[in-house]
């Protein structure tokens, strides 16, 4: 976040616009994460998730302790590999802490974007909407509901061969 901007601190913000300020809220959640951070995004939009500040916050989280875990779930791996992405680079550098998997199709995932921090922070963007999202930085109930969805989708996903580093 820029120093001129104030850090978002509201309990609930509706109508969050995408990609901004969605990107700032995602960064705020990453900076305040203590143990877990999950991202569900069809294409891991570079405008939101390829920002140096976000990746730096997630790298710091990954190094914080043995118990930290960052999981990223996308629909396709090929665009990330083809175009390059900072989160992909982080996952390749820290594969035991940052796991990136693919889930092409699932009836419970129409394409929403979801960011979950620990067990008490959530940022949500519905599919095909640029202003229908919400941000709840301190809601265990809402976070639990979205974390259960993420975990269900994660169980149905798989690592992608395309995402592995090829050392030649």
N, C-alpha and C. Protein backbone atom coordinates (compact mmCIF):
# COMPACT_ATOMS: atom_id res chain seq x y z
N UNK A 1 0.83 -1.18 0.00
CA UNK A 1 0.00 0.00 0.00
C UNK A 1 0.87 1.24 0.00
N UNK A 2 0.40 2.27 -0.64
CA UNK A 2 1.11 3.53 -0.60
C UNK A 2 0.96 4.16 0.76
N UNK A 3 1.96 4.93 1.17
CA UNK A 3 1.90 5.57 2.49
C UNK A 3 0.76 6.58 2.56
N UNK A 4 0.41 7.17 1.41
CA UNK A 4 -0.66 8.17 1.41
C UNK A 4 -2.03 7.55 1.67
N UNK A 5 -2.18 6.27 1.33
CA UNK A 5 -3.45 5.60 1.52
C UNK A 5 -3.58 5.14 2.96
N UNK A 6 -4.79 5.18 3.46
CA UNK A 6 -5.00 4.65 4.80
C UNK A 6 -5.32 3.18 4.69
N UNK A 7 -4.87 2.41 5.64
CA UNK A 7 -5.12 0.97 5.63
C UNK A 7 -6.60 0.72 5.89
N UNK A 8 -7.25 -0.13 5.07
CA UNK A 8 -8.66 -0.41 5.30
C UNK A 8 -8.84 -1.12 6.64
N UNK A 9 -9.73 -0.59 7.50
CA UNK A 9 -9.91 -1.14 8.83
C UNK A 9 -11.38 -1.39 9.18
N UNK A 10 -12.27 -1.27 8.24
CA UNK A 10 -13.68 -1.46 8.55
C UNK A 10 -13.97 -2.93 8.85
N UNK A 11 -15.06 -3.17 9.61
CA UNK A 11 -15.46 -4.53 9.94
C UNK A 11 -16.10 -5.25 8.75
N UNK A 12 -16.82 -4.51 7.92
CA UNK A 12 -17.46 -5.10 6.74
C UNK A 12 -17.55 -4.02 5.67
N UNK A 13 -17.06 -4.34 4.49
CA UNK A 13 -17.14 -3.40 3.37
C UNK A 13 -17.82 -4.13 2.23
N UNK A 14 -18.95 -3.62 1.79
CA UNK A 14 -19.69 -4.21 0.67
C UNK A 14 -19.42 -3.40 -0.60
N UNK A 15 -19.66 -4.00 -1.74
CA UNK A 15 -19.49 -3.31 -3.01
C UNK A 15 -18.04 -3.04 -3.35
N UNK A 16 -17.14 -3.91 -2.91
CA UNK A 16 -15.72 -3.73 -3.20
C UNK A 16 -15.50 -3.84 -4.70
N UNK A 17 -14.85 -2.85 -5.26
CA UNK A 17 -14.60 -2.85 -6.70
C UNK A 17 -13.33 -3.63 -7.02
N UNK A 18 -13.33 -4.18 -8.25
CA UNK A 18 -12.24 -5.02 -8.72
C UNK A 18 -11.66 -4.41 -9.97
N UNK A 19 -10.38 -4.25 -10.13
CA UNK A 19 -9.30 -4.79 -9.31
C UNK A 19 -8.89 -3.91 -8.14
N UNK A 20 -9.24 -2.64 -8.19
CA UNK A 20 -8.89 -1.77 -7.05
C UNK A 20 -10.19 -1.21 -6.47
N UNK A 21 -10.35 -1.25 -5.17
CA UNK A 21 -9.38 -1.49 -4.10
C UNK A 21 -9.27 -2.95 -3.65
N UNK A 22 -9.82 -3.90 -4.42
CA UNK A 22 -9.71 -5.31 -4.07
C UNK A 22 -8.25 -5.67 -3.79
N UNK A 23 -7.35 -5.16 -4.64
CA UNK A 23 -5.92 -5.46 -4.48
C UNK A 23 -5.37 -4.97 -3.14
N UNK A 24 -5.80 -3.79 -2.70
CA UNK A 24 -5.33 -3.26 -1.41
C UNK A 24 -5.87 -4.08 -0.24
N UNK A 25 -7.11 -4.53 -0.34
CA UNK A 25 -7.67 -5.36 0.72
C UNK A 25 -6.96 -6.72 0.79
N UNK A 26 -6.63 -7.28 -0.37
CA UNK A 26 -5.89 -8.56 -0.40
C UNK A 26 -4.53 -8.38 0.27
N UNK A 27 -3.88 -7.27 -0.02
CA UNK A 27 -2.58 -6.99 0.59
C UNK A 27 -2.72 -6.80 2.10
N UNK A 28 -3.75 -6.10 2.54
CA UNK A 28 -3.97 -5.90 3.98
C UNK A 28 -4.15 -7.25 4.69
N UNK A 29 -4.90 -8.15 4.07
CA UNK A 29 -5.07 -9.48 4.66
C UNK A 29 -3.73 -10.22 4.71
N UNK A 30 -2.95 -10.14 3.65
CA UNK A 30 -1.65 -10.83 3.61
C UNK A 30 -0.72 -10.28 4.68
N UNK A 31 -0.70 -8.97 4.84
CA UNK A 31 0.19 -8.36 5.83
C UNK A 31 -0.20 -8.69 7.26
N UNK A 32 -1.46 -8.98 7.49
CA UNK A 32 -1.93 -9.28 8.85
C UNK A 32 -2.06 -10.78 9.13
N UNK A 33 -1.76 -11.62 8.14
CA UNK A 33 -1.88 -13.07 8.32
C UNK A 33 -0.84 -13.56 9.33
N UNK A 34 -1.27 -14.52 10.14
CA UNK A 34 -0.38 -15.10 11.15
C UNK A 34 0.04 -16.52 10.79
N UNK A 35 -0.83 -17.25 10.08
CA UNK A 35 -0.50 -18.66 9.84
C UNK A 35 -0.95 -19.19 8.47
N UNK A 36 -2.16 -18.87 8.06
CA UNK A 36 -2.71 -19.42 6.81
C UNK A 36 -3.14 -18.31 5.87
N UNK A 37 -2.98 -18.57 4.58
CA UNK A 37 -3.46 -17.64 3.57
C UNK A 37 -3.85 -18.46 2.36
N UNK A 38 -5.08 -18.28 1.89
CA UNK A 38 -5.59 -19.04 0.75
C UNK A 38 -6.09 -18.09 -0.32
N UNK A 39 -5.79 -18.40 -1.56
CA UNK A 39 -6.28 -17.63 -2.71
C UNK A 39 -6.96 -18.59 -3.67
N UNK A 40 -8.18 -18.25 -4.02
CA UNK A 40 -8.94 -18.97 -5.04
C UNK A 40 -9.20 -17.97 -6.16
N UNK A 41 -8.65 -18.22 -7.33
CA UNK A 41 -8.79 -17.26 -8.42
C UNK A 41 -8.71 -18.00 -9.75
N UNK A 42 -9.67 -17.79 -10.63
CA UNK A 42 -9.65 -18.52 -11.90
C UNK A 42 -8.33 -18.36 -12.66
N UNK A 43 -7.85 -17.12 -12.75
CA UNK A 43 -6.64 -16.89 -13.56
C UNK A 43 -5.54 -16.17 -12.80
N UNK A 44 -5.68 -15.97 -11.52
CA UNK A 44 -4.69 -15.29 -10.68
C UNK A 44 -4.31 -13.95 -11.32
N UNK A 45 -5.32 -13.13 -11.49
CA UNK A 45 -5.21 -11.83 -12.15
C UNK A 45 -3.94 -11.09 -11.72
N UNK A 46 -3.13 -10.72 -12.69
CA UNK A 46 -1.86 -10.04 -12.38
C UNK A 46 -2.08 -8.67 -11.75
N UNK A 47 -3.21 -8.00 -12.05
CA UNK A 47 -3.46 -6.68 -11.48
C UNK A 47 -3.65 -6.74 -9.97
N UNK A 48 -4.04 -7.90 -9.46
CA UNK A 48 -4.29 -8.07 -8.02
C UNK A 48 -3.20 -8.90 -7.36
N UNK A 49 -2.84 -10.02 -7.96
CA UNK A 49 -2.01 -11.01 -7.28
C UNK A 49 -0.54 -11.05 -7.72
N UNK A 50 -0.16 -10.23 -8.69
CA UNK A 50 1.23 -10.22 -9.14
C UNK A 50 1.94 -8.94 -8.67
N UNK A 51 1.47 -8.37 -7.62
CA UNK A 51 2.04 -7.13 -7.08
C UNK A 51 3.21 -7.45 -6.14
N UNK A 52 4.32 -6.74 -6.27
CA UNK A 52 5.49 -7.01 -5.42
C UNK A 52 5.19 -6.93 -3.93
N UNK A 53 4.34 -5.98 -3.53
CA UNK A 53 4.03 -5.80 -2.11
C UNK A 53 3.27 -7.01 -1.55
N UNK A 54 2.35 -7.54 -2.32
CA UNK A 54 1.59 -8.72 -1.88
C UNK A 54 2.52 -9.93 -1.78
N UNK A 55 3.32 -10.15 -2.79
CA UNK A 55 4.22 -11.30 -2.79
C UNK A 55 5.25 -11.18 -1.67
N UNK A 56 5.70 -9.98 -1.40
CA UNK A 56 6.64 -9.77 -0.29
C UNK A 56 5.99 -10.11 1.05
N UNK A 57 4.74 -9.69 1.24
CA UNK A 57 4.02 -10.02 2.48
C UNK A 57 3.82 -11.52 2.61
N UNK A 58 3.53 -12.20 1.52
CA UNK A 58 3.34 -13.65 1.57
C UNK A 58 4.67 -14.38 1.79
N UNK A 59 5.74 -13.87 1.22
CA UNK A 59 7.06 -14.47 1.47
C UNK A 59 7.43 -14.34 2.94
N UNK A 60 7.15 -13.18 3.53
CA UNK A 60 7.43 -12.99 4.96
C UNK A 60 6.59 -13.95 5.80
N UNK A 61 5.32 -14.13 5.43
CA UNK A 61 4.46 -15.08 6.13
C UNK A 61 5.03 -16.49 6.02
N UNK A 62 5.45 -16.88 4.84
CA UNK A 62 5.98 -18.23 4.62
C UNK A 62 7.22 -18.49 5.48
N UNK A 63 8.02 -17.47 5.70
CA UNK A 63 9.24 -17.62 6.50
C UNK A 63 8.98 -17.51 8.01
N UNK A 64 7.79 -17.10 8.40
CA UNK A 64 7.49 -16.82 9.80
C UNK A 64 7.65 -18.03 10.72
N UNK A 65 7.12 -19.18 10.34
CA UNK A 65 7.26 -20.37 11.18
C UNK A 65 7.05 -21.63 10.34
N UNK A 66 7.30 -22.77 10.96
CA UNK A 66 7.10 -24.04 10.26
C UNK A 66 5.63 -24.31 9.96
N UNK A 67 4.75 -23.75 10.74
CA UNK A 67 3.32 -24.04 10.60
C UNK A 67 2.61 -23.16 9.56
N UNK A 68 3.27 -22.17 9.02
CA UNK A 68 2.59 -21.32 8.05
C UNK A 68 2.35 -22.07 6.75
N UNK A 69 1.25 -21.70 6.09
CA UNK A 69 0.87 -22.37 4.85
C UNK A 69 0.14 -21.38 3.95
N UNK A 70 0.56 -21.36 2.70
CA UNK A 70 -0.08 -20.51 1.69
C UNK A 70 -0.51 -21.44 0.57
N UNK A 71 -1.81 -21.40 0.25
CA UNK A 71 -2.34 -22.26 -0.81
C UNK A 71 -3.03 -21.39 -1.86
N UNK A 72 -2.74 -21.68 -3.10
CA UNK A 72 -3.29 -20.92 -4.22
C UNK A 72 -3.93 -21.92 -5.19
N UNK A 73 -5.17 -21.65 -5.55
CA UNK A 73 -5.93 -22.54 -6.43
C UNK A 73 -6.38 -21.76 -7.65
N UNK A 74 -6.05 -22.26 -8.85
CA UNK A 74 -6.38 -21.61 -10.11
C UNK A 74 -7.06 -22.60 -11.05
N UNK A 75 -7.64 -22.08 -12.13
CA UNK A 75 -8.27 -22.94 -13.14
C UNK A 75 -7.28 -23.48 -14.15
N UNK A 76 -6.30 -22.65 -14.53
CA UNK A 76 -5.33 -23.04 -15.57
C UNK A 76 -3.93 -22.66 -15.14
N UNK A 77 -2.98 -23.53 -15.43
CA UNK A 77 -1.59 -23.26 -15.10
C UNK A 77 -0.84 -22.62 -16.27
N UNK A 78 -1.20 -22.98 -17.48
CA UNK A 78 -0.45 -22.55 -18.66
C UNK A 78 -0.26 -21.03 -18.74
N UNK A 79 -1.29 -20.21 -18.53
CA UNK A 79 -1.07 -18.75 -18.62
C UNK A 79 -0.07 -18.23 -17.58
N UNK A 80 -0.06 -18.82 -16.40
CA UNK A 80 0.89 -18.38 -15.37
C UNK A 80 2.32 -18.67 -15.80
N UNK A 81 2.52 -19.83 -16.38
CA UNK A 81 3.85 -20.23 -16.82
C UNK A 81 4.26 -19.40 -18.03
N UNK A 82 3.35 -19.23 -18.97
CA UNK A 82 3.64 -18.51 -20.21
C UNK A 82 3.97 -17.04 -19.95
N UNK A 83 3.16 -16.38 -19.12
CA UNK A 83 3.33 -14.95 -18.88
C UNK A 83 4.27 -14.64 -17.72
N UNK A 84 4.49 -15.62 -16.85
CA UNK A 84 5.28 -15.37 -15.65
C UNK A 84 4.40 -14.74 -14.59
N UNK A 85 4.67 -15.06 -13.34
CA UNK A 85 3.86 -14.54 -12.24
C UNK A 85 4.69 -14.63 -10.95
N UNK A 86 4.68 -13.58 -10.18
CA UNK A 86 5.47 -13.55 -8.94
C UNK A 86 5.05 -14.64 -7.95
N UNK A 87 3.76 -14.95 -7.88
CA UNK A 87 3.34 -16.01 -6.96
C UNK A 87 3.81 -17.38 -7.42
N UNK A 88 3.88 -17.58 -8.71
CA UNK A 88 4.43 -18.83 -9.23
C UNK A 88 5.91 -18.93 -8.87
N UNK A 89 6.65 -17.84 -9.01
CA UNK A 89 8.06 -17.83 -8.63
C UNK A 89 8.23 -18.13 -7.13
N UNK A 90 7.36 -17.54 -6.30
CA UNK A 90 7.43 -17.78 -4.86
C UNK A 90 7.14 -19.26 -4.56
N UNK A 91 6.14 -19.82 -5.22
CA UNK A 91 5.80 -21.23 -5.01
C UNK A 91 6.96 -22.14 -5.43
N UNK A 92 7.67 -21.77 -6.46
CA UNK A 92 8.81 -22.56 -6.90
C UNK A 92 9.99 -22.44 -5.94
N UNK A 93 10.15 -21.25 -5.34
CA UNK A 93 11.24 -21.05 -4.38
C UNK A 93 10.96 -21.69 -3.04
N UNK A 94 9.68 -21.74 -2.64
CA UNK A 94 9.31 -22.25 -1.32
C UNK A 94 8.19 -23.29 -1.45
N UNK A 95 8.44 -24.41 -2.13
CA UNK A 95 7.37 -25.37 -2.44
C UNK A 95 6.73 -26.03 -1.21
N UNK A 96 7.43 -26.08 -0.10
CA UNK A 96 6.83 -26.69 1.09
C UNK A 96 5.90 -25.72 1.82
N UNK A 97 6.01 -24.43 1.53
CA UNK A 97 5.19 -23.41 2.20
C UNK A 97 4.12 -22.82 1.30
N UNK A 98 4.43 -22.69 0.03
CA UNK A 98 3.52 -22.06 -0.93
C UNK A 98 3.15 -23.11 -1.96
N UNK A 99 1.91 -23.55 -1.90
CA UNK A 99 1.44 -24.61 -2.80
C UNK A 99 0.43 -24.03 -3.78
N UNK A 100 0.66 -24.30 -5.06
CA UNK A 100 -0.20 -23.81 -6.12
C UNK A 100 -0.75 -25.02 -6.85
N UNK A 101 -2.08 -25.13 -6.91
CA UNK A 101 -2.72 -26.27 -7.57
C UNK A 101 -3.79 -25.80 -8.55
N UNK A 102 -4.25 -26.75 -9.36
CA UNK A 102 -5.19 -26.45 -10.44
C UNK A 102 -6.48 -27.25 -10.26
N UNK A 103 -7.58 -26.58 -10.50
CA UNK A 103 -8.91 -27.21 -10.51
C UNK A 103 -9.66 -26.64 -11.70
N UNK A 104 -9.71 -27.39 -12.78
CA UNK A 104 -10.29 -26.88 -14.03
C UNK A 104 -11.80 -26.63 -13.92
N UNK A 105 -12.54 -27.60 -13.45
CA UNK A 105 -14.00 -27.48 -13.38
C UNK A 105 -14.47 -28.07 -12.06
N UNK A 106 -15.48 -27.43 -11.48
CA UNK A 106 -16.10 -27.96 -10.27
C UNK A 106 -17.46 -27.27 -10.12
N UNK A 107 -18.51 -28.03 -9.81
CA UNK A 107 -19.84 -27.43 -9.72
C UNK A 107 -19.97 -26.37 -8.61
N UNK A 108 -19.11 -26.41 -7.62
CA UNK A 108 -19.19 -25.42 -6.53
C UNK A 108 -18.34 -24.18 -6.81
N UNK A 109 -17.65 -24.15 -7.96
CA UNK A 109 -16.80 -23.00 -8.28
C UNK A 109 -17.18 -22.39 -9.62
N UNK A 110 -18.12 -21.45 -9.61
CA UNK A 110 -18.51 -20.80 -10.85
C UNK A 110 -17.51 -19.74 -11.32
N UNK A 111 -16.45 -19.51 -10.54
CA UNK A 111 -15.43 -18.56 -10.98
C UNK A 111 -15.20 -17.39 -10.05
N UNK A 112 -15.70 -17.46 -8.84
CA UNK A 112 -15.47 -16.37 -7.90
C UNK A 112 -14.01 -16.31 -7.48
N UNK A 113 -13.59 -15.15 -7.01
CA UNK A 113 -12.26 -14.97 -6.46
C UNK A 113 -12.40 -14.82 -4.96
N UNK A 114 -11.54 -15.51 -4.23
CA UNK A 114 -11.66 -15.58 -2.78
C UNK A 114 -10.27 -15.51 -2.15
N UNK A 115 -10.16 -14.70 -1.11
CA UNK A 115 -8.92 -14.61 -0.33
C UNK A 115 -9.32 -14.85 1.12
N UNK A 116 -8.65 -15.81 1.77
CA UNK A 116 -8.95 -16.14 3.17
C UNK A 116 -7.67 -16.02 3.99
N UNK A 117 -7.76 -15.28 5.08
CA UNK A 117 -6.64 -15.14 6.00
C UNK A 117 -6.96 -15.84 7.31
N UNK A 118 -6.08 -16.72 7.74
CA UNK A 118 -6.24 -17.44 9.00
C UNK A 118 -7.67 -17.96 9.11
N UNK A 119 -8.32 -17.74 10.23
CA UNK A 119 -9.71 -18.18 10.40
C UNK A 119 -10.64 -17.01 10.65
N UNK A 120 -10.18 -15.80 10.28
CA UNK A 120 -11.02 -14.65 10.63
C UNK A 120 -10.99 -13.50 9.64
N UNK A 121 -10.52 -13.71 8.43
CA UNK A 121 -10.52 -12.64 7.45
C UNK A 121 -10.83 -13.16 6.06
N UNK A 122 -11.74 -12.48 5.36
CA UNK A 122 -12.14 -12.95 4.02
C UNK A 122 -12.37 -11.75 3.09
N UNK A 123 -12.01 -11.97 1.83
CA UNK A 123 -12.24 -11.02 0.75
C UNK A 123 -12.84 -11.83 -0.39
N UNK A 124 -13.95 -11.36 -0.94
CA UNK A 124 -14.71 -12.15 -1.91
C UNK A 124 -15.11 -11.30 -3.10
N UNK A 125 -14.98 -11.86 -4.28
CA UNK A 125 -15.44 -11.21 -5.51
C UNK A 125 -16.24 -12.22 -6.31
N UNK A 126 -17.53 -11.96 -6.56
CA UNK A 126 -18.33 -12.92 -7.33
C UNK A 126 -17.86 -12.99 -8.78
N UNK A 127 -18.18 -14.08 -9.46
CA UNK A 127 -17.79 -14.18 -10.87
C UNK A 127 -18.48 -13.12 -11.71
N UNK A 128 -17.78 -12.63 -12.72
CA UNK A 128 -18.35 -11.67 -13.67
C UNK A 128 -18.90 -10.41 -13.03
N UNK A 129 -18.25 -9.91 -11.99
CA UNK A 129 -18.67 -8.68 -11.36
C UNK A 129 -17.45 -7.85 -11.01
N UNK A 130 -17.52 -6.55 -11.26
CA UNK A 130 -16.41 -5.68 -10.92
C UNK A 130 -16.70 -4.82 -9.69
N UNK A 131 -17.89 -5.00 -9.08
CA UNK A 131 -18.19 -4.18 -7.92
C UNK A 131 -19.07 -4.88 -6.89
N UNK A 132 -19.18 -6.18 -6.96
CA UNK A 132 -20.07 -6.89 -6.04
C UNK A 132 -19.37 -7.61 -4.92
N UNK A 133 -18.10 -7.30 -4.69
CA UNK A 133 -17.35 -8.01 -3.68
C UNK A 133 -17.58 -7.50 -2.28
N UNK A 134 -17.01 -8.23 -1.31
CA UNK A 134 -17.05 -7.75 0.06
C UNK A 134 -15.76 -8.11 0.79
N UNK A 135 -15.51 -7.37 1.86
CA UNK A 135 -14.29 -7.52 2.66
C UNK A 135 -14.71 -7.58 4.12
N UNK A 136 -14.33 -8.67 4.78
CA UNK A 136 -14.60 -8.83 6.21
C UNK A 136 -13.30 -9.26 6.90
N UNK A 137 -12.58 -8.30 7.47
CA UNK A 137 -11.29 -8.63 8.08
C UNK A 137 -11.39 -9.27 9.46
N UNK A 138 -12.57 -9.25 10.07
CA UNK A 138 -12.72 -9.78 11.43
C UNK A 138 -14.01 -10.55 11.61
N UNK A 139 -14.25 -11.56 10.78
CA UNK A 139 -15.48 -12.33 10.88
C UNK A 139 -15.17 -13.82 10.81
N UNK A 140 -15.18 -14.46 11.96
CA UNK A 140 -14.91 -15.90 11.99
C UNK A 140 -16.01 -16.68 11.26
N UNK A 141 -17.26 -16.29 11.42
CA UNK A 141 -18.37 -17.03 10.82
C UNK A 141 -18.30 -16.99 9.29
N UNK A 142 -18.15 -15.82 8.73
CA UNK A 142 -18.08 -15.68 7.28
C UNK A 142 -16.82 -16.35 6.74
N UNK A 143 -15.71 -16.18 7.44
CA UNK A 143 -14.46 -16.79 7.00
C UNK A 143 -14.56 -18.30 7.02
N UNK A 144 -15.16 -18.86 8.05
CA UNK A 144 -15.29 -20.31 8.16
C UNK A 144 -16.07 -20.88 6.98
N UNK A 145 -17.15 -20.23 6.62
CA UNK A 145 -17.97 -20.68 5.48
C UNK A 145 -17.13 -20.69 4.20
N UNK A 146 -16.37 -19.63 3.96
CA UNK A 146 -15.57 -19.54 2.73
C UNK A 146 -14.35 -20.46 2.79
N UNK A 147 -13.80 -20.66 3.96
CA UNK A 147 -12.67 -21.57 4.11
C UNK A 147 -13.10 -23.00 3.83
N UNK A 148 -14.30 -23.38 4.26
CA UNK A 148 -14.81 -24.73 3.98
C UNK A 148 -14.95 -24.94 2.47
N UNK A 149 -15.45 -23.93 1.76
CA UNK A 149 -15.55 -24.02 0.29
C UNK A 149 -14.15 -24.20 -0.30
N UNK A 150 -13.22 -23.37 0.13
CA UNK A 150 -11.85 -23.47 -0.39
C UNK A 150 -11.28 -24.87 -0.14
N UNK A 151 -11.42 -25.37 1.07
CA UNK A 151 -10.86 -26.68 1.41
C UNK A 151 -11.50 -27.80 0.58
N UNK A 152 -12.80 -27.71 0.34
CA UNK A 152 -13.48 -28.69 -0.50
C UNK A 152 -12.93 -28.66 -1.93
N UNK A 153 -12.76 -27.46 -2.46
CA UNK A 153 -12.21 -27.32 -3.81
C UNK A 153 -10.76 -27.79 -3.84
N UNK A 154 -10.02 -27.47 -2.80
CA UNK A 154 -8.60 -27.90 -2.74
C UNK A 154 -8.48 -29.41 -2.78
N UNK A 155 -9.36 -30.11 -2.07
CA UNK A 155 -9.33 -31.58 -2.07
C UNK A 155 -9.59 -32.15 -3.46
N UNK A 156 -10.31 -31.40 -4.29
CA UNK A 156 -10.61 -31.86 -5.65
C UNK A 156 -9.55 -31.42 -6.66
N UNK A 157 -8.61 -30.62 -6.23
CA UNK A 157 -7.59 -30.09 -7.14
C UNK A 157 -6.36 -30.99 -7.17
N UNK A 158 -5.40 -30.62 -8.02
CA UNK A 158 -4.17 -31.39 -8.13
C UNK A 158 -3.02 -30.47 -8.50
N UNK A 159 -1.81 -30.85 -8.12
CA UNK A 159 -0.64 -30.10 -8.60
C UNK A 159 -0.56 -30.22 -10.12
N UNK A 160 0.03 -29.24 -10.74
CA UNK A 160 0.17 -29.26 -12.19
C UNK A 160 1.62 -29.46 -12.58
N UNK A 161 1.85 -30.32 -13.55
CA UNK A 161 3.20 -30.55 -14.06
C UNK A 161 3.75 -29.25 -14.63
N UNK A 162 2.88 -28.44 -15.25
CA UNK A 162 3.31 -27.18 -15.86
C UNK A 162 3.89 -26.21 -14.84
N UNK A 163 3.46 -26.32 -13.58
CA UNK A 163 3.89 -25.37 -12.57
C UNK A 163 5.24 -25.71 -11.94
N UNK A 164 5.70 -26.91 -12.18
CA UNK A 164 7.00 -27.31 -11.61
C UNK A 164 8.13 -26.62 -12.34
N UNK A 165 9.19 -26.35 -11.60
CA UNK A 165 10.38 -25.75 -12.19
C UNK A 165 11.11 -26.82 -13.00
N UNK A 166 11.53 -26.44 -14.17
CA UNK A 166 12.31 -27.36 -15.01
C UNK A 166 13.77 -26.91 -14.96
N UNK A 167 14.58 -27.63 -14.23
CA UNK A 167 16.00 -27.31 -14.16
C UNK A 167 16.72 -28.08 -15.25
N UNK A 168 17.30 -27.36 -16.17
CA UNK A 168 18.02 -27.99 -17.29
C UNK A 168 19.51 -27.80 -17.13
